[in-house]
Protein backbone atom coordinates (compact mmCIF):
# COMPACT_ATOMS: atom_id res chain seq x y z
CA MET A 1 -22.07 22.30 10.74
CA SER A 2 -23.85 19.97 8.33
CA SER A 3 -23.72 16.20 8.95
CA GLN A 4 -21.72 15.77 5.67
CA LYS A 5 -19.04 18.17 6.92
CA LEU A 6 -18.97 16.50 10.34
CA ARG A 7 -18.58 13.15 8.64
CA LEU A 8 -15.70 14.37 6.44
CA LYS A 9 -14.04 16.00 9.47
CA PHE A 10 -14.19 12.88 11.66
CA GLU A 11 -13.83 10.14 9.08
CA PRO A 12 -9.99 9.91 9.30
CA VAL A 13 -10.17 9.58 13.07
CA ILE A 14 -12.90 6.99 12.87
CA ARG A 15 -10.93 5.05 10.24
CA ARG A 16 -7.83 5.13 12.42
CA VAL A 17 -9.69 3.88 15.51
CA PHE A 18 -11.28 1.04 13.46
CA HIS A 19 -7.86 0.16 12.03
CA VAL A 20 -6.35 -0.18 15.53
CA TYR A 21 -9.33 -2.11 16.78
CA ALA A 22 -9.13 -4.50 13.84
CA ARG A 23 -5.43 -5.19 14.61
CA PHE A 24 -6.26 -6.58 17.99
CA ALA A 25 -9.65 -8.05 17.46
CA ARG A 26 -8.83 -10.40 14.57
CA GLY A 27 -6.52 -13.42 14.33
CA MET A 28 -3.63 -13.41 11.89
CA THR A 29 -3.94 -10.58 9.42
CA LEU A 30 -2.73 -10.62 5.76
CA GLY A 31 -2.03 -7.71 3.58
CA THR A 32 -0.63 -7.14 0.14
CA ARG A 33 1.46 -4.42 -1.37
CA ALA A 34 2.95 -3.75 -4.75
CA VAL A 35 6.12 -2.25 -6.11
CA VAL A 36 4.54 -0.80 -9.20
CA LEU A 37 7.18 0.20 -11.80
CA ASN A 38 6.54 2.17 -14.95
CA ALA A 39 8.66 2.03 -18.11
CA GLU A 40 11.20 4.46 -16.60
CA ASN A 41 11.50 2.33 -13.46
CA ARG A 42 9.75 5.04 -11.40
CA VAL A 43 7.85 3.59 -8.47
CA PHE A 44 4.27 4.35 -7.55
CA LEU A 45 3.66 5.50 -3.95
CA VAL A 46 0.58 6.68 -2.00
CA LYS A 47 0.12 8.92 1.03
CA HIS A 48 -2.82 8.01 3.26
CA SER A 49 -4.98 10.35 5.40
CA TYR A 50 -4.79 8.00 8.42
CA VAL A 51 -1.08 7.20 8.69
CA SER A 52 2.03 9.20 8.09
CA GLY A 53 4.52 8.82 5.32
CA TRP A 54 4.53 7.53 1.69
CA HIS A 55 3.85 3.80 1.17
CA LEU A 56 3.66 1.16 -1.47
CA PRO A 57 0.01 0.82 -2.58
CA GLY A 58 -1.94 -2.04 -1.07
CA GLY A 59 -4.06 -3.14 1.93
CA GLY A 60 -5.70 -5.85 3.79
CA VAL A 61 -6.99 -9.09 2.26
CA GLU A 62 -10.68 -9.28 3.02
CA THR A 63 -12.55 -12.41 4.10
CA GLY A 64 -13.25 -14.60 1.09
CA GLU A 65 -10.86 -12.63 -1.08
CA THR A 66 -7.60 -14.03 -2.67
CA ILE A 67 -4.35 -12.15 -2.32
CA LEU A 68 -4.31 -11.34 -6.01
CA ALA A 69 -7.86 -10.13 -5.94
CA SER A 70 -7.03 -7.91 -2.99
CA LEU A 71 -3.95 -6.58 -4.78
CA ALA A 72 -5.98 -5.82 -7.98
CA ARG A 73 -8.71 -4.07 -5.88
CA GLU A 74 -6.29 -2.00 -3.85
CA LEU A 75 -4.33 -0.87 -6.96
CA ILE A 76 -7.51 0.38 -8.58
CA GLU A 77 -8.77 2.05 -5.37
CA GLU A 78 -5.48 3.71 -4.47
CA GLY A 79 -3.92 4.43 -7.89
CA GLY A 80 -6.38 3.85 -10.68
CA ILE A 81 -3.95 1.06 -11.74
CA GLU A 82 -5.44 -1.83 -13.66
CA LEU A 83 -3.31 -5.01 -13.91
CA THR A 84 -2.77 -6.09 -17.51
CA GLY A 85 -0.38 -8.96 -16.69
CA GLU A 86 0.49 -11.26 -13.88
CA PRO A 87 2.21 -9.62 -10.92
CA ARG A 88 5.32 -11.42 -9.64
CA LEU A 89 5.52 -12.34 -6.00
CA HIS A 90 8.56 -10.66 -4.47
CA GLY A 91 8.33 -11.83 -0.83
CA VAL A 92 6.25 -12.43 2.24
CA TYR A 93 7.11 -10.48 5.34
CA PHE A 94 6.24 -10.60 8.99
CA ASN A 95 5.19 -7.13 10.01
CA ARG A 96 5.69 -7.01 13.77
CA HIS A 97 5.31 -3.24 13.82
CA VAL A 98 1.65 -3.62 13.07
CA SER A 99 0.96 -6.60 15.36
CA ARG A 100 2.42 -10.00 16.28
CA ARG A 101 0.01 -11.61 13.73
CA ASP A 102 0.52 -9.50 10.65
CA HIS A 103 2.02 -10.68 7.30
CA VAL A 104 2.38 -8.80 4.08
CA ALA A 105 2.84 -10.32 0.61
CA VAL A 106 4.69 -7.95 -1.76
CA TYR A 107 4.32 -8.22 -5.50
CA ILE A 108 6.23 -6.59 -8.37
CA VAL A 109 3.92 -5.04 -11.02
CA ARG A 110 5.26 -3.95 -14.39
CA ASP A 111 2.28 -4.74 -16.64
CA PHE A 112 -0.53 -2.28 -15.92
CA ARG A 113 -2.70 0.47 -17.40
CA GLN A 114 -3.39 3.75 -15.71
CA GLU A 115 -5.59 6.24 -17.54
CA LYS A 116 -4.84 9.07 -15.08
CA LEU A 117 -3.83 9.67 -11.44
CA PRO A 118 -6.79 9.63 -9.17
CA GLU A 119 -7.90 12.80 -7.41
CA PRO A 120 -7.16 13.03 -3.70
CA ASN A 121 -10.00 11.60 -1.53
CA HIS A 122 -10.88 10.79 2.04
CA GLU A 123 -8.27 7.91 2.16
CA ILE A 124 -5.55 8.81 -0.33
CA VAL A 125 -4.37 12.39 0.01
CA ALA A 126 -1.63 12.09 -2.65
CA CYS A 127 -0.10 9.58 -5.05
CA GLY A 128 2.39 9.45 -7.87
CA PHE A 129 5.32 7.94 -9.54
CA PHE A 130 8.80 8.77 -8.21
CA HIS A 131 12.37 8.19 -9.26
CA PRO A 132 13.92 5.80 -6.75
CA ALA A 133 16.75 8.21 -6.07
CA ALA A 134 14.25 11.02 -5.39
CA LEU A 135 11.61 9.50 -3.16
CA PRO A 136 9.65 11.92 -0.94
CA PRO A 137 11.58 12.54 2.37
CA ASP A 138 8.90 10.93 4.53
CA THR A 139 8.82 7.65 2.58
CA THR A 140 8.66 4.94 5.14
CA ARG A 141 11.71 2.82 5.91
CA GLY A 142 9.91 -0.42 4.97
CA THR A 143 8.90 1.05 1.63
CA ARG A 144 12.42 2.16 0.90
CA LEU A 145 13.76 -1.29 1.79
CA ARG A 146 11.28 -3.06 -0.51
CA ILE A 147 12.18 -0.74 -3.43
CA ALA A 148 15.90 -1.39 -2.86
CA GLU A 149 15.34 -5.10 -2.76
CA VAL A 150 13.55 -5.04 -6.10
CA LEU A 151 15.75 -2.60 -7.93
CA GLU A 152 19.15 -3.42 -6.41
CA ASN A 153 18.65 -7.14 -5.93
CA ARG A 154 19.20 -6.82 -2.23
CA PRO A 155 18.49 -9.91 -0.03
CA ILE A 156 14.83 -10.34 1.07
CA PRO A 157 14.49 -10.44 4.93
CA ALA A 158 11.76 -12.26 6.80
CA ASP A 159 10.71 -9.09 8.66
CA TRP A 160 9.17 -5.94 7.17
CA SER A 161 11.47 -3.72 9.29
């Protein structure tokens, strides 16, 4: 087997191990996610290679990076989505399921440009816009809750759940 094929085969495992290591090796962690809504109020979701279920796009804020810069970077990387207006902060959540030190800032994004959906890659195996009443069956509970908060004006809890 070529080294390229070996790398592609083991990359999801290596990413997962690094992800778990990073959870425990760092201090407080901060992530950002977005409820991206198109003109028809369909929500953009991603499915990763290293964790199960469908999620809101987003990721960790890197050292020296602002939350908004992280959000803009993650949206481009995961969905080919370029911000064309200011996202609106929806809430900040304590994500005890990840670690006792993890927080996630969630933004609402309505002003964006997307030339086309990105092709599946080593990190994102699928992505797309979905009607809120017809989300994929394995959409995570936290993702469903954030969408309901935004679209149904439900109360915003302190925990990700």
